[in-house]
Amino acid sequence: MGRPNKRDRTTHRRISDAIAEAAGGYALPGTFLERNTSCNKAGCRCMADPPRLHGPYYQWTRKIDGKTKTTRLTVEQVERYRPWFDNAKTIRALTAELEALSLDIASTTEDWN
């Protein structure tokens, strides 16, 4: 096992606590998007100067069995599930931070640089 120093252990504890807090709620995988679009029809407001795009439209995109699945969401669904998307995003970021910390400790310990 690598040799984490005091700063590493403190960082690990902070990451672990934050993961536990985010994982205490629900988490939806994938990407949440808010889109505004233009229809390109002559005379439409989206073609004006300045343009006023249509939307917002809300989409949830994720992979299922290797295929991209996109679901349109209503405003009510966005309000209901936004915390779940936020939790998943937080967990992904914290996991990446934990992996980077672990790689740094192992690389330093084993002189892999």
PDB file of N, CA and C in Angstrom:
ATOM      1  N   MET A   1       0.845  -1.181   0.000  1.00  0.00           N
ATOM      2  CA  MET A   1       0.000   0.000   0.000  1.00  0.00           C
ATOM      3  C   MET A   1       0.885   1.237   0.000  1.00  0.00           C
ATOM      4  N   GLY A   2       0.436   2.285  -0.702  1.00  0.00           N
ATOM      5  CA  GLY A   2       1.178   3.538  -0.746  1.00  0.00           C
ATOM      6  C   GLY A   2       1.254   4.176   0.624  1.00  0.00           C
ATOM      7  N   ARG A   3       2.036   5.212   0.710  1.00  0.00           N
ATOM      8  CA  ARG A   3       2.227   5.883   1.987  1.00  0.00           C
ATOM      9  C   ARG A   3       1.639   7.295   1.942  1.00  0.00           C
ATOM     10  N   PRO A   4       0.344   7.417   2.217  1.00  0.00           N
ATOM     11  CA  PRO A   4      -0.264   8.745   2.228  1.00  0.00           C
ATOM     12  C   PRO A   4       0.255   9.562   3.409  1.00  0.00           C
ATOM     13  N   ASN A   5       0.519  10.837   3.141  1.00  0.00           N
ATOM     14  CA  ASN A   5       0.940  11.713   4.223  1.00  0.00           C
ATOM     15  C   ASN A   5      -0.298  12.334   4.878  1.00  0.00           C
ATOM     16  N   LYS A   6      -0.062  13.208   5.845  1.00  0.00           N
ATOM     17  CA  LYS A   6      -1.176  13.799   6.584  1.00  0.00           C
ATOM     18  C   LYS A   6      -2.098  14.589   5.658  1.00  0.00           C
ATOM     19  N   ARG A   7      -1.524  15.356   4.728  1.00  0.00           N
ATOM     20  CA  ARG A   7      -2.339  16.134   3.785  1.00  0.00           C
ATOM     21  C   ARG A   7      -3.184  15.201   2.910  1.00  0.00           C
ATOM     22  N   ASP A   8      -2.581  14.089   2.461  1.00  0.00           N
ATOM     23  CA  ASP A   8      -3.316  13.112   1.650  1.00  0.00           C
ATOM     24  C   ASP A   8      -4.491  12.529   2.428  1.00  0.00           C
ATOM     25  N   ARG A   9      -4.257  12.189   3.684  1.00  0.00           N
ATOM     26  CA  ARG A   9      -5.328  11.606   4.512  1.00  0.00           C
ATOM     27  C   ARG A   9      -6.448  12.619   4.751  1.00  0.00           C
ATOM     28  N   THR A  10      -6.075  13.877   4.936  1.00  0.00           N
ATOM     29  CA  THR A  10      -7.075  14.935   5.118  1.00  0.00           C
ATOM     30  C   THR A  10      -7.899  15.113   3.857  1.00  0.00           C
ATOM     31  N   THR A  11      -7.223  15.126   2.711  1.00  0.00           N
ATOM     32  CA  THR A  11      -7.916  15.246   1.424  1.00  0.00           C
ATOM     33  C   THR A  11      -8.837  14.049   1.202  1.00  0.00           C
ATOM     34  N   HIS A  12      -8.343  12.863   1.505  1.00  0.00           N
ATOM     35  CA  HIS A  12      -9.144  11.640   1.356  1.00  0.00           C
ATOM     36  C   HIS A  12     -10.396  11.701   2.225  1.00  0.00           C
ATOM     37  N   ARG A  13     -10.241  12.161   3.449  1.00  0.00           N
ATOM     38  CA  ARG A  13     -11.381  12.268   4.369  1.00  0.00           C
ATOM     39  C   ARG A  13     -12.416  13.260   3.830  1.00  0.00           C
ATOM     40  N   ARG A  14     -11.938  14.397   3.304  1.00  0.00           N
ATOM     41  CA  ARG A  14     -12.859  15.399   2.741  1.00  0.00           C
ATOM     42  C   ARG A  14     -13.619  14.821   1.552  1.00  0.00           C
ATOM     43  N   ILE A  15     -12.908  14.137   0.659  1.00  0.00           N
ATOM     44  CA  ILE A  15     -13.557  13.536  -0.518  1.00  0.00           C
ATOM     45  C   ILE A  15     -14.553  12.466  -0.086  1.00  0.00           C
ATOM     46  N   SER A  16     -14.141  11.602   0.816  1.00  0.00           N
ATOM     47  CA  SER A  16     -15.016  10.521   1.286  1.00  0.00           C
ATOM     48  C   SER A  16     -16.280  11.064   1.942  1.00  0.00           C
ATOM     49  N   ASP A  17     -16.132  12.089   2.758  1.00  0.00           N
ATOM     50  CA  ASP A  17     -17.296  12.702   3.411  1.00  0.00           C
ATOM     51  C   ASP A  17     -18.236  13.313   2.380  1.00  0.00           C
ATOM     52  N   ALA A  18     -17.670  13.978   1.370  1.00  0.00           N
ATOM     53  CA  ALA A  18     -18.499  14.613   0.331  1.00  0.00           C
ATOM     54  C   ALA A  18     -19.209  13.563  -0.520  1.00  0.00           C
ATOM     55  N   ILE A  19     -18.528  12.459  -0.816  1.00  0.00           N
ATOM     56  CA  ILE A  19     -19.168  11.371  -1.575  1.00  0.00           C
ATOM     57  C   ILE A  19     -20.320  10.792  -0.754  1.00  0.00           C
ATOM     58  N   ALA A  20     -20.086  10.559   0.524  1.00  0.00           N
ATOM     59  CA  ALA A  20     -21.140  10.009   1.392  1.00  0.00           C
ATOM     60  C   ALA A  20     -22.349  10.939   1.442  1.00  0.00           C
ATOM     61  N   GLU A  21     -22.085  12.236   1.496  1.00  0.00           N
ATOM     62  CA  GLU A  21     -23.193  13.196   1.537  1.00  0.00           C
ATOM     63  C   GLU A  21     -23.985  13.173   0.231  1.00  0.00           C
ATOM     64  N   ALA A  22     -23.289  13.188  -0.906  1.00  0.00           N
ATOM     65  CA  ALA A  22     -23.972  13.176  -2.209  1.00  0.00           C
ATOM     66  C   ALA A  22     -24.687  11.848  -2.433  1.00  0.00           C
ATOM     67  N   ALA A  23     -24.069  10.759  -1.994  1.00  0.00           N
ATOM     68  CA  ALA A  23     -24.655   9.436  -2.193  1.00  0.00           C
ATOM     69  C   ALA A  23     -25.835   9.195  -1.253  1.00  0.00           C
ATOM     70  N   GLY A  24     -26.036  10.084  -0.295  1.00  0.00           N
ATOM     71  CA  GLY A  24     -27.177   9.963   0.601  1.00  0.00           C
ATOM     72  C   GLY A  24     -28.489  10.271  -0.100  1.00  0.00           C
ATOM     73  N   GLY A  25     -28.394  10.919  -1.249  1.00  0.00           N
ATOM     74  CA  GLY A  25     -29.576  11.205  -2.054  1.00  0.00           C
ATOM     75  C   GLY A  25     -29.598  10.281  -3.259  1.00  0.00           C
ATOM     76  N   TYR A  26     -30.432  10.582  -4.214  1.00  0.00           N
ATOM     77  CA  TYR A  26     -30.500   9.800  -5.430  1.00  0.00           C
ATOM     78  C   TYR A  26     -29.624  10.425  -6.492  1.00  0.00           C
ATOM     79  N   ALA A  27     -29.238   9.641  -7.496  1.00  0.00           N
ATOM     80  CA  ALA A  27     -28.362  10.143  -8.557  1.00  0.00           C
ATOM     81  C   ALA A  27     -28.780   9.533  -9.886  1.00  0.00           C
ATOM     82  N   LEU A  28     -29.009  10.392 -10.858  1.00  0.00           N
ATOM     83  CA  LEU A  28     -29.343   9.926 -12.203  1.00  0.00           C
ATOM     84  C   LEU A  28     -28.114  10.039 -13.096  1.00  0.00           C
ATOM     85  N   PRO A  29     -27.776   8.969 -13.819  1.00  0.00           N
ATOM     86  CA  PRO A  29     -26.609   9.004 -14.694  1.00  0.00           C
ATOM     87  C   PRO A  29     -26.895   9.781 -15.966  1.00  0.00           C
ATOM     88  N   GLY A  30     -25.838  10.195 -16.627  1.00  0.00           N
ATOM     89  CA  GLY A  30     -25.995  10.843 -17.912  1.00  0.00           C
ATOM     90  C   GLY A  30     -25.800  12.339 -17.831  1.00  0.00           C
ATOM     91  N   THR A  31     -26.346  13.018 -18.826  1.00  0.00           N
ATOM     92  CA  THR A  31     -26.166  14.457 -18.958  1.00  0.00           C
ATOM     93  C   THR A  31     -27.517  15.142 -19.047  1.00  0.00           C
ATOM     94  N   PHE A  32     -27.646  16.221 -18.304  1.00  0.00           N
ATOM     95  CA  PHE A  32     -28.852  17.043 -18.342  1.00  0.00           C
ATOM     96  C   PHE A  32     -28.528  18.285 -19.152  1.00  0.00           C
ATOM     97  N   LEU A  33     -29.350  18.584 -20.156  1.00  0.00           N
ATOM     98  CA  LEU A  33     -29.126  19.739 -21.020  1.00  0.00           C
ATOM     99  C   LEU A  33     -30.351  20.638 -21.066  1.00  0.00           C
ATOM    100  N   GLU A  34     -30.076  21.932 -21.137  1.00  0.00           N
ATOM    101  CA  GLU A  34     -31.115  22.914 -21.399  1.00  0.00           C
ATOM    102  C   GLU A  34     -30.775  23.520 -22.748  1.00  0.00           C
ATOM    103  N   ARG A  35     -31.688  23.398 -23.712  1.00  0.00           N
ATOM    104  CA  ARG A  35     -31.407  23.852 -25.066  1.00  0.00           C
ATOM    105  C   ARG A  35     -32.389  24.910 -25.522  1.00  0.00           C
ATOM    106  N   ASN A  36     -31.873  25.813 -26.332  1.00  0.00           N
ATOM    107  CA  ASN A  36     -32.681  26.784 -27.045  1.00  0.00           C
ATOM    108  C   ASN A  36     -32.334  26.605 -28.512  1.00  0.00           C
ATOM    109  N   THR A  37     -33.340  26.586 -29.366  1.00  0.00           N
ATOM    110  CA  THR A  37     -33.091  26.264 -30.763  1.00  0.00           C
ATOM    111  C   THR A  37     -33.715  27.293 -31.702  1.00  0.00           C
ATOM    112  N   SER A  38     -33.294  27.217 -32.957  1.00  0.00           N
ATOM    113  CA  SER A  38     -33.921  28.025 -34.005  1.00  0.00           C
ATOM    114  C   SER A  38     -34.535  27.067 -35.021  1.00  0.00           C
ATOM    115  N   CYS A  39     -35.653  27.477 -35.592  1.00  0.00           N
ATOM    116  CA  CYS A  39     -36.345  26.620 -36.563  1.00  0.00           C
ATOM    117  C   CYS A  39     -35.944  26.973 -38.003  1.00  0.00           C
ATOM    118  N   ASN A  40     -35.298  28.126 -38.173  1.00  0.00           N
ATOM    119  CA  ASN A  40     -34.830  28.589 -39.484  1.00  0.00           C
ATOM    120  C   ASN A  40     -35.945  28.917 -40.472  1.00  0.00           C
ATOM    121  N   LYS A  41     -37.153  29.151 -39.982  1.00  0.00           N
ATOM    122  CA  LYS A  41     -38.251  29.557 -40.864  1.00  0.00           C
ATOM    123  C   LYS A  41     -38.193  31.069 -41.071  1.00  0.00           C
ATOM    124  N   ALA A  42     -38.323  31.488 -42.295  1.00  0.00           N
ATOM    125  CA  ALA A  42     -38.277  32.914 -42.614  1.00  0.00           C
ATOM    126  C   ALA A  42     -39.370  33.653 -41.851  1.00  0.00           C
ATOM    127  N   GLY A  43     -39.025  34.792 -41.282  1.00  0.00           N
ATOM    128  CA  GLY A  43     -39.991  35.601 -40.565  1.00  0.00           C
ATOM    129  C   GLY A  43     -40.207  35.192 -39.121  1.00  0.00           C
ATOM    130  N   CYS A  44     -39.640  34.077 -38.709  1.00  0.00           N
ATOM    131  CA  CYS A  44     -39.806  33.629 -37.322  1.00  0.00           C
ATOM    132  C   CYS A  44     -38.931  34.487 -36.400  1.00  0.00           C
ATOM    133  N   ARG A  45     -39.350  34.597 -35.160  1.00  0.00           N
ATOM    134  CA  ARG A  45     -38.603  35.378 -34.181  1.00  0.00           C
ATOM    135  C   ARG A  45     -37.183  34.864 -33.988  1.00  0.00           C
ATOM    136  N   CYS A  46     -36.964  33.576 -34.247  1.00  0.00           N
ATOM    137  CA  CYS A  46     -35.625  33.019 -34.065  1.00  0.00           C
ATOM    138  C   CYS A  46     -34.668  33.455 -35.173  1.00  0.00           C
ATOM    139  N   MET A  47     -35.221  34.038 -36.226  1.00  0.00           N
ATOM    140  CA  MET A  47     -34.391  34.525 -37.327  1.00  0.00           C
ATOM    141  C   MET A  47     -34.233  36.048 -37.277  1.00  0.00           C
ATOM    142  N   ALA A  48     -34.831  36.688 -36.296  1.00  0.00           N
ATOM    143  CA  ALA A  48     -34.785  38.151 -36.172  1.00  0.00           C
ATOM    144  C   ALA A  48     -33.387  38.601 -35.756  1.00  0.00           C
ATOM    145  N   ASP A  49     -33.194  39.919 -35.747  1.00  0.00           N
ATOM    146  CA  ASP A  49     -31.927  40.476 -35.304  1.00  0.00           C
ATOM    147  C   ASP A  49     -32.209  41.417 -34.149  1.00  0.00           C
ATOM    148  N   PRO A  50     -31.954  41.087 -32.904  1.00  0.00           N
ATOM    149  CA  PRO A  50     -31.293  39.855 -32.467  1.00  0.00           C
ATOM    150  C   PRO A  50     -32.285  38.686 -32.427  1.00  0.00           C
ATOM    151  N   PRO A  51     -31.774  37.483 -32.574  1.00  0.00           N
ATOM    152  CA  PRO A  51     -32.672  36.320 -32.578  1.00  0.00           C
ATOM    153  C   PRO A  51     -33.248  36.044 -31.188  1.00  0.00           C
ATOM    154  N   ARG A  52     -34.500  35.581 -31.160  1.00  0.00           N
ATOM    155  CA  ARG A  52     -35.130  35.100 -29.928  1.00  0.00           C
ATOM    156  C   ARG A  52     -35.421  33.626 -30.138  1.00  0.00           C
ATOM    157  N   LEU A  53     -34.566  32.793 -29.591  1.00  0.00           N
ATOM    158  CA  LEU A  53     -34.650  31.353 -29.835  1.00  0.00           C
ATOM    159  C   LEU A  53     -35.849  30.722 -29.139  1.00  0.00           C
ATOM    160  N   HIS A  54     -36.255  29.573 -29.656  1.00  0.00           N
ATOM    161  CA  HIS A  54     -37.330  28.784 -29.064  1.00  0.00           C
ATOM    162  C   HIS A  54     -36.772  28.007 -27.875  1.00  0.00           C
ATOM    163  N   GLY A  55     -37.598  27.833 -26.871  1.00  0.00           N
ATOM    164  CA  GLY A  55     -37.156  27.053 -25.725  1.00  0.00           C
ATOM    165  C   GLY A  55     -37.326  27.850 -24.448  1.00  0.00           C
ATOM    166  N   PRO A  56     -36.801  27.373 -23.372  1.00  0.00           N
ATOM    167  CA  PRO A  56     -35.858  26.262 -23.313  1.00  0.00           C
ATOM    168  C   PRO A  56     -36.549  24.898 -23.393  1.00  0.00           C
ATOM    169  N   TYR A  57     -35.800  23.941 -23.947  1.00  0.00           N
ATOM    170  CA  TYR A  57     -36.205  22.541 -23.979  1.00  0.00           C
ATOM    171  C   TYR A  57     -35.203  21.785 -23.120  1.00  0.00           C
ATOM    172  N   TYR A  58     -35.691  20.832 -22.353  1.00  0.00           N
ATOM    173  CA  TYR A  58     -34.836  20.101 -21.421  1.00  0.00           C
ATOM    174  C   TYR A  58     -34.668  18.664 -21.893  1.00  0.00           C
ATOM    175  N   GLN A  59     -33.411  18.201 -21.872  1.00  0.00           N
ATOM    176  CA  GLN A  59     -33.104  16.843 -22.324  1.00  0.00           C
ATOM    177  C   GLN A  59     -32.223  16.140 -21.304  1.00  0.00           C
ATOM    178  N   TRP A  60     -32.451  14.838 -21.187  1.00  0.00           N
ATOM    179  CA  TRP A  60     -31.615  13.966 -20.380  1.00  0.00           C
ATOM    180  C   TRP A  60     -31.069  12.913 -21.330  1.00  0.00           C
ATOM    181  N   THR A  61     -29.752  12.864 -21.445  1.00  0.00           N
ATOM    182  CA  THR A  61     -29.106  11.922 -22.349  1.00  0.00           C
ATOM    183  C   THR A  61     -28.240  10.972 -21.534  1.00  0.00           C
ATOM    184  N   ARG A  62     -28.318   9.682 -21.863  1.00  0.00           N
ATOM    185  CA  ARG A  62     -27.523   8.665 -21.170  1.00  0.00           C
ATOM    186  C   ARG A  62     -27.310   7.480 -22.092  1.00  0.00           C
ATOM    187  N   LYS A  63     -26.408   6.591 -21.714  1.00  0.00           N
ATOM    188  CA  LYS A  63     -26.128   5.381 -22.479  1.00  0.00           C
ATOM    189  C   LYS A  63     -26.874   4.208 -21.854  1.00  0.00           C
ATOM    190  N   ILE A  64     -27.537   3.439 -22.722  1.00  0.00           N
ATOM    191  CA  ILE A  64     -28.200   2.211 -22.304  1.00  0.00           C
ATOM    192  C   ILE A  64     -27.786   1.131 -23.296  1.00  0.00           C
ATOM    193  N   ASP A  65     -27.118   0.105 -22.799  1.00  0.00           N
ATOM    194  CA  ASP A  65     -26.622  -0.983 -23.642  1.00  0.00           C
ATOM    195  C   ASP A  65     -25.810  -0.459 -24.823  1.00  0.00           C
ATOM    196  N   GLY A  66     -24.964   0.544 -24.555  1.00  0.00           N
ATOM    197  CA  GLY A  66     -24.086   1.082 -25.576  1.00  0.00           C
ATOM    198  C   GLY A  66     -24.742   2.045 -26.556  1.00  0.00           C
ATOM    199  N   LYS A  67     -26.015   2.317 -26.380  1.00  0.00           N
ATOM    200  CA  LYS A  67     -26.725   3.235 -27.267  1.00  0.00           C
ATOM    201  C   LYS A  67     -27.145   4.480 -26.496  1.00  0.00           C
ATOM    202  N   THR A  68     -27.096   5.618 -27.191  1.00  0.00           N
ATOM    203  CA  THR A  68     -27.502   6.872 -26.564  1.00  0.00           C
ATOM    204  C   THR A  68     -29.015   6.967 -26.519  1.00  0.00           C
ATOM    205  N   LYS A  69     -29.530   7.263 -25.346  1.00  0.00           N
ATOM    206  CA  LYS A  69     -30.971   7.418 -25.137  1.00  0.00           C
ATOM    207  C   LYS A  69     -31.211   8.850 -24.682  1.00  0.00           C
ATOM    208  N   THR A  70     -32.066   9.569 -25.378  1.00  0.00           N
ATOM    209  CA  THR A  70     -32.399  10.940 -25.018  1.00  0.00           C
ATOM    210  C   THR A  70     -33.873  11.019 -24.649  1.00  0.00           C
ATOM    211  N   THR A  71     -34.150  11.656 -23.530  1.00  0.00           N
ATOM    212  CA  THR A  71     -35.505  11.825 -23.035  1.00  0.00           C
ATOM    213  C   THR A  71     -35.762  13.311 -22.836  1.00  0.00           C
ATOM    214  N   ARG A  72     -36.873  13.786 -23.368  1.00  0.00           N
ATOM    215  CA  ARG A  72     -37.273  15.166 -23.111  1.00  0.00           C
ATOM    216  C   ARG A  72     -37.932  15.231 -21.746  1.00  0.00           C
ATOM    217  N   LEU A  73     -37.650  16.305 -21.035  1.00  0.00           N
ATOM    218  CA  LEU A  73     -38.207  16.482 -19.698  1.00  0.00           C
ATOM    219  C   LEU A  73     -39.090  17.722 -19.656  1.00  0.00           C
ATOM    220  N   THR A  74     -40.133  17.650 -18.849  1.00  0.00           N
ATOM    221  CA  THR A  74     -40.994  18.806 -18.626  1.00  0.00           C
ATOM    222  C   THR A  74     -40.345  19.691 -17.560  1.00  0.00           C
ATOM    223  N   VAL A  75     -40.853  20.899 -17.419  1.00  0.00           N
ATOM    224  CA  VAL A  75     -40.362  21.805 -16.376  1.00  0.00           C
ATOM    225  C   VAL A  75     -40.539  21.158 -14.998  1.00  0.00           C
ATOM    226  N   GLU A  76     -41.663  20.499 -14.791  1.00  0.00           N
ATOM    227  CA  GLU A  76     -41.926  19.841 -13.511  1.00  0.00           C
ATOM    228  C   GLU A  76     -40.912  18.730 -13.248  1.00  0.00           C
ATOM    229  N   GLN A  77     -40.594  17.959 -14.282  1.00  0.00           N
ATOM    230  CA  GLN A  77     -39.604  16.891 -14.117  1.00  0.00           C
ATOM    231  C   GLN A  77     -38.220  17.465 -13.824  1.00  0.00           C
ATOM    232  N   VAL A  78     -37.883  18.557 -14.482  1.00  0.00           N
ATOM    233  CA  VAL A  78     -36.599  19.211 -14.227  1.00  0.00           C
ATOM    234  C   VAL A  78     -36.517  19.635 -12.762  1.00  0.00           C
ATOM    235  N   GLU A  79     -37.561  20.253 -12.256  1.00  0.00           N
ATOM    236  CA  GLU A  79     -37.576  20.681 -10.857  1.00  0.00           C
ATOM    237  C   GLU A  79     -37.449  19.493  -9.911  1.00  0.00           C
ATOM    238  N   ARG A  80     -38.117  18.395 -10.250  1.00  0.00           N
ATOM    239  CA  ARG A  80     -38.125  17.211  -9.402  1.00  0.00           C
ATOM    240  C   ARG A  80     -36.771  16.488  -9.407  1.00  0.00           C
ATOM    241  N   TYR A  81     -36.121  16.402 -10.580  1.00  0.00           N
ATOM    242  CA  TYR A  81     -34.925  15.565 -10.717  1.00  0.00           C
ATOM    243  C   TYR A  81     -33.606  16.326 -10.794  1.00  0.00           C
ATOM    244  N   ARG A  82     -33.626  17.647 -10.849  1.00  0.00           N
ATOM    245  CA  ARG A  82     -32.364  18.401 -10.924  1.00  0.00           C
ATOM    246  C   ARG A  82     -31.406  18.028  -9.781  1.00  0.00           C
ATOM    247  N   PRO A  83     -31.874  17.901  -8.535  1.00  0.00           N
ATOM    248  CA  PRO A  83     -30.944  17.499  -7.472  1.00  0.00           C
ATOM    249  C   PRO A  83     -30.309  16.129  -7.739  1.00  0.00           C
ATOM    250  N   TRP A  84     -31.024  15.234  -8.386  1.00  0.00           N
ATOM    251  CA  TRP A  84     -30.485  13.916  -8.701  1.00  0.00           C
ATOM    252  C   TRP A  84     -29.372  14.026  -9.747  1.00  0.00           C
ATOM    253  N   PHE A  85     -29.578  14.886 -10.756  1.00  0.00           N
ATOM    254  CA  PHE A  85     -28.528  15.124 -11.752  1.00  0.00           C
ATOM    255  C   PHE A  85     -27.319  15.774 -11.088  1.00  0.00           C
ATOM    256  N   ASP A  86     -27.576  16.735 -10.207  1.00  0.00           N
ATOM    257  CA  ASP A  86     -26.488  17.420  -9.500  1.00  0.00           C
ATOM    258  C   ASP A  86     -25.699  16.444  -8.637  1.00  0.00           C
ATOM    259  N   ASN A  87     -26.388  15.539  -7.941  1.00  0.00           N
ATOM    260  CA  ASN A  87     -25.702  14.543  -7.113  1.00  0.00           C
ATOM    261  C   ASN A  87     -24.797  13.648  -7.962  1.00  0.00           C
ATOM    262  N   ALA A  88     -25.301  13.193  -9.087  1.00  0.00           N
ATOM    263  CA  ALA A  88     -24.502  12.323  -9.957  1.00  0.00           C
ATOM    264  C   ALA A  88     -23.259  13.059 -10.458  1.00  0.00           C
ATOM    265  N   LYS A  89     -23.422  14.314 -10.836  1.00  0.00           N
ATOM    266  CA  LYS A  89     -22.295  15.117 -11.322  1.00  0.00           C
ATOM    267  C   LYS A  89     -21.259  15.302 -10.208  1.00  0.00           C
ATOM    268  N   THR A  90     -21.733  15.570  -8.999  1.00  0.00           N
ATOM    269  CA  THR A  90     -20.835  15.739  -7.856  1.00  0.00           C
ATOM    270  C   THR A  90     -20.074  14.449  -7.570  1.00  0.00           C
ATOM    271  N   ILE A  91     -20.773  13.325  -7.595  1.00  0.00           N
ATOM    272  CA  ILE A  91     -20.136  12.032  -7.330  1.00  0.00           C
ATOM    273  C   ILE A  91     -19.074  11.740  -8.385  1.00  0.00           C
ATOM    274  N   ARG A  92     -19.368  12.015  -9.675  1.00  0.00           N
ATOM    275  CA  ARG A  92     -18.375  11.798 -10.738  1.00  0.00           C
ATOM    276  C   ARG A  92     -17.130  12.654 -10.514  1.00  0.00           C
ATOM    277  N   ALA A  93     -17.328  13.926 -10.152  1.00  0.00           N
ATOM    278  CA  ALA A  93     -16.194  14.827  -9.933  1.00  0.00           C
ATOM    279  C   ALA A  93     -15.360  14.377  -8.727  1.00  0.00           C
ATOM    280  N   LEU A  94     -16.027  13.981  -7.659  1.00  0.00           N
ATOM    281  CA  LEU A  94     -15.312  13.535  -6.466  1.00  0.00           C
ATOM    282  C   LEU A  94     -14.571  12.224  -6.710  1.00  0.00           C
ATOM    283  N   THR A  95     -15.174  11.325  -7.482  1.00  0.00           N
ATOM    284  CA  THR A  95     -14.502  10.072  -7.825  1.00  0.00           C
ATOM    285  C   THR A  95     -13.239  10.347  -8.630  1.00  0.00           C
ATOM    286  N   ALA A  96     -13.308  11.270  -9.571  1.00  0.00           N
ATOM    287  CA  ALA A  96     -12.123  11.640 -10.358  1.00  0.00           C
ATOM    288  C   ALA A  96     -11.044  12.236  -9.453  1.00  0.00           C
ATOM    289  N   GLU A  97     -11.458  13.046  -8.477  1.00  0.00           N
ATOM    290  CA  GLU A  97     -10.504  13.638  -7.533  1.00  0.00           C
ATOM    291  C   GLU A  97      -9.853  12.554  -6.675  1.00  0.00           C
ATOM    292  N   LEU A  98     -10.637  11.583  -6.231  1.00  0.00           N
ATOM    293  CA  LEU A  98     -10.108  10.473  -5.433  1.00  0.00           C
ATOM    294  C   LEU A  98      -9.131   9.634  -6.249  1.00  0.00           C
ATOM    295  N   GLU A  99      -9.472   9.387  -7.514  1.00  0.00           N
ATOM    296  CA  GLU A  99      -8.570   8.627  -8.383  1.00  0.00           C
ATOM    297  C   GLU A  99      -7.253   9.368  -8.596  1.00  0.00           C
ATOM    298  N   ALA A 100      -7.321  10.687  -8.794  1.00  0.00           N
ATOM    299  CA  ALA A 100      -6.103  11.482  -8.991  1.00  0.00           C
ATOM    300  C   ALA A 100      -5.237  11.456  -7.733  1.00  0.00           C
ATOM    301  N   LEU A 101      -5.858  11.585  -6.565  1.00  0.00           N
ATOM    302  CA  LEU A 101      -5.127  11.518  -5.305  1.00  0.00           C
ATOM    303  C   LEU A 101      -4.452  10.156  -5.159  1.00  0.00           C
ATOM    304  N   SER A 102      -5.189   9.094  -5.418  1.00  0.00           N
ATOM    305  CA  SER A 102      -4.652   7.740  -5.288  1.00  0.00           C
ATOM    306  C   SER A 102      -3.493   7.512  -6.261  1.00  0.00           C
ATOM    307  N   LEU A 103      -3.648   7.981  -7.489  1.00  0.00           N
ATOM    308  CA  LEU A 103      -2.585   7.844  -8.481  1.00  0.00           C
ATOM    309  C   LEU A 103      -1.339   8.605  -8.051  1.00  0.00           C
ATOM    310  N   ASP A 104      -1.527   9.795  -7.499  1.00  0.00           N
ATOM    311  CA  ASP A 104      -0.399  10.600  -7.031  1.00  0.00           C
ATOM    312  C   ASP A 104       0.343   9.883  -5.904  1.00  0.00           C
ATOM    313  N   ILE A 105      -0.408   9.328  -4.946  1.00  0.00           N
ATOM    314  CA  ILE A 105       0.214   8.613  -3.823  1.00  0.00           C
ATOM    315  C   ILE A 105       0.968   7.387  -4.325  1.00  0.00           C
ATOM    316  N   ALA A 106       0.328   6.584  -5.172  1.00  0.00           N
ATOM    317  CA  ALA A 106       0.965   5.363  -5.675  1.00  0.00           C
ATOM    318  C   ALA A 106       2.189   5.693  -6.523  1.00  0.00           C
ATOM    319  N   SER A 107       2.051   6.709  -7.400  1.00  0.00           N
ATOM    320  CA  SER A 107       3.166   7.082  -8.274  1.00  0.00           C
ATOM    321  C   SER A 107       4.358   7.584  -7.475  1.00  0.00           C
ATOM    322  N   THR A 108       4.095   8.357  -6.425  1.00  0.00           N
ATOM    323  CA  THR A 108       5.162   8.869  -5.580  1.00  0.00           C
ATOM    324  C   THR A 108       5.810   7.737  -4.781  1.00  0.00           C
ATOM    325  N   THR A 109       4.981   6.858  -4.236  1.00  0.00           N
ATOM    326  CA  THR A 109       5.483   5.750  -3.445  1.00  0.00           C
ATOM    327  C   THR A 109       6.327   4.800  -4.293  1.00  0.00           C
ATOM    328  N   GLU A 110       5.877   4.515  -5.499  1.00  0.00           N
ATOM    329  CA  GLU A 110       6.557   3.530  -6.346  1.00  0.00           C
ATOM    330  C   GLU A 110       7.546   4.171  -7.304  1.00  0.00           C
ATOM    331  N   ASP A 111       7.668   5.506  -7.271  1.00  0.00           N
ATOM    332  CA  ASP A 111       8.562   6.228  -8.165  1.00  0.00           C
ATOM    333  C   ASP A 111       8.218   5.916  -9.631  1.00  0.00           C
ATOM    334  N   TRP A 112       6.920   5.990  -9.948  1.00  0.00           N
ATOM    335  CA  TRP A 112       6.450   5.717 -11.313  1.00  0.00           C
ATOM    336  C   TRP A 112       6.534   6.924 -12.221  1.00  0.00           C
ATOM    337  N   ASN A 113       6.951   8.074 -11.711  1.00  0.00           N
ATOM    338  CA  ASN A 113       6.973   9.297 -12.530  1.00  0.00           C
ATOM    339  C   ASN A 113       8.020   9.229 -13.566  1.00  0.00           C
TER     340      ASN A 113
END
